[in-house]
Amino acid sequence: MERDEILKAAQENPQEQGEYEKHISNKAVLYGFMAGIVLLMAMMILEWFIKKKIDLGKPTLLFGISSVMDFYDGIAGKKKKSFVGGILTGLLAVVFLFGYIGVLFV
């Protein structure tokens, strides 16, 4: 979004959260999720090198977060690629969830 568009939208609706604030909030959420995903990946890699196994709960969480982000981006932004990616990563999350549940009962 260009600077002039943001200023125009902010002047039209002074009572609502401004476009700039919405943009900053969206970026903050995105960066938070990205940091969480990187942290989960680092934990999985460390666990693999140290214990030679991976707790299936971490990839389940990783794929679940990624799925929701992509799925929502696909719906809200009308992006077919993100929508399909969200569905596929959601299916991966379900598969890993079943694996995680199966390991709990063994």
Protein backbone atom coordinates (compact mmCIF):
# COMPACT_ATOMS: atom_id res chain seq x y z
CA MET A 1 0.00 0.00 0.00
CA GLU A 2 1.42 3.37 -0.99
CA ARG A 3 1.89 6.25 1.44
CA ASP A 4 -0.77 8.43 -0.20
CA GLU A 5 -3.35 5.63 -0.07
CA ILE A 6 -2.67 5.08 3.63
CA LEU A 7 -3.06 8.79 4.40
CA LYS A 8 -6.28 9.04 2.41
CA ALA A 9 -7.80 6.01 4.13
CA ALA A 10 -6.79 7.32 7.57
CA GLN A 11 -8.46 10.68 6.90
CA GLU A 12 -11.70 9.03 5.76
CA ASN A 13 -12.14 7.01 8.98
CA PRO A 14 -10.57 8.91 11.90
CA GLN A 15 -12.37 6.84 14.58
CA GLU A 16 -11.19 3.44 13.33
CA GLN A 17 -7.74 1.99 13.61
CA GLY A 18 -5.71 3.64 10.89
CA GLU A 19 -4.40 1.83 7.86
CA TYR A 20 -0.86 2.30 9.06
CA GLU A 21 -1.70 0.76 12.45
CA LYS A 22 -3.40 -2.18 10.72
CA HIS A 23 -0.39 -2.64 8.50
CA ILE A 24 1.99 -2.58 11.48
CA SER A 25 -0.22 -4.98 13.45
CA ASN A 26 -0.34 -7.42 10.55
CA LYS A 27 3.44 -7.27 10.17
CA ALA A 28 3.91 -7.87 13.90
CA VAL A 29 1.70 -10.96 13.83
CA LEU A 30 3.45 -12.26 10.73
CA TYR A 31 6.91 -11.77 12.24
CA GLY A 32 5.76 -13.43 15.46
CA PHE A 33 4.53 -16.49 13.61
CA MET A 34 7.69 -16.61 11.53
CA ALA A 35 9.84 -16.46 14.67
CA GLY A 36 7.79 -19.26 16.20
CA ILE A 37 8.23 -21.41 13.12
CA VAL A 38 12.00 -20.82 13.06
CA LEU A 39 12.20 -21.66 16.77
CA LEU A 40 10.24 -24.88 16.29
CA MET A 41 12.48 -25.86 13.37
CA ALA A 42 15.60 -25.18 15.46
CA MET A 43 14.20 -27.30 18.30
CA MET A 44 13.46 -30.16 15.89
CA ILE A 45 16.97 -30.02 14.41
CA LEU A 46 18.61 -29.97 17.85
CA GLU A 47 16.43 -32.85 19.01
CA TRP A 48 17.36 -34.84 15.92
CA PHE A 49 21.11 -34.32 16.42
CA ILE A 50 21.06 -34.93 20.18
CA LYS A 51 18.45 -37.67 20.63
CA LYS A 52 18.27 -39.04 17.06
CA LYS A 53 14.47 -38.78 17.15
CA ILE A 54 11.82 -36.12 16.66
CA ASP A 55 8.77 -35.57 18.83
CA LEU A 56 5.93 -35.50 16.29
CA GLY A 57 4.15 -32.76 18.25
CA LYS A 58 6.58 -30.10 17.02
CA PRO A 59 6.11 -30.71 13.28
CA THR A 60 2.36 -30.97 13.90
CA LEU A 61 2.41 -27.51 15.44
CA LEU A 62 4.69 -26.21 12.69
CA PHE A 63 2.42 -27.45 9.90
CA GLY A 64 -0.71 -26.31 11.77
CA ILE A 65 0.55 -22.73 12.12
CA SER A 66 1.71 -22.61 8.52
CA SER A 67 -1.58 -24.06 7.31
CA VAL A 68 -3.72 -21.45 9.04
CA MET A 69 -1.50 -18.62 7.80
CA ASP A 70 -1.58 -19.80 4.19
CA PHE A 71 -5.26 -20.75 4.25
CA TYR A 72 -6.35 -17.38 5.63
CA ASP A 73 -4.05 -15.51 3.25
CA GLY A 74 -5.57 -17.47 0.37
CA ILE A 75 -9.14 -16.69 1.40
CA ALA A 76 -8.66 -13.05 2.44
CA GLY A 77 -6.30 -12.17 -0.39
CA LYS A 78 -8.02 -14.33 -3.00
CA LYS A 79 -4.72 -16.09 -3.68
CA LYS A 80 -5.29 -19.56 -5.09
CA LYS A 81 -1.69 -20.67 -4.48
CA SER A 82 -1.83 -19.75 -0.78
CA PHE A 83 -5.26 -21.36 -0.43
CA VAL A 84 -4.05 -24.66 -1.90
CA GLY A 85 -0.84 -24.47 0.13
CA GLY A 86 -2.89 -24.00 3.28
CA ILE A 87 -4.99 -27.05 2.51
CA LEU A 88 -1.92 -29.19 1.78
CA THR A 89 -0.05 -28.15 4.91
CA GLY A 90 -3.27 -28.65 6.88
CA LEU A 91 -3.42 -32.23 5.62
CA LEU A 92 0.20 -32.71 6.64
CA ALA A 93 -0.65 -31.37 10.10
CA VAL A 94 -3.48 -33.91 10.40
CA VAL A 95 -1.18 -36.76 9.32
CA PHE A 96 1.46 -35.74 11.87
CA LEU A 97 -1.26 -35.33 14.52
CA PHE A 98 -2.40 -38.92 13.95
CA GLY A 99 1.24 -40.04 14.18
CA TYR A 100 1.66 -38.11 17.41
CA ILE A 101 -1.50 -39.64 18.88
CA GLY A 102 -0.39 -43.11 17.74
CA VAL A 103 2.98 -42.75 19.49
CA LEU A 104 1.26 -41.74 22.72
CA PHE A 105 -0.55 -45.08 22.90
CA VAL A 106 2.44 -47.29 22.06
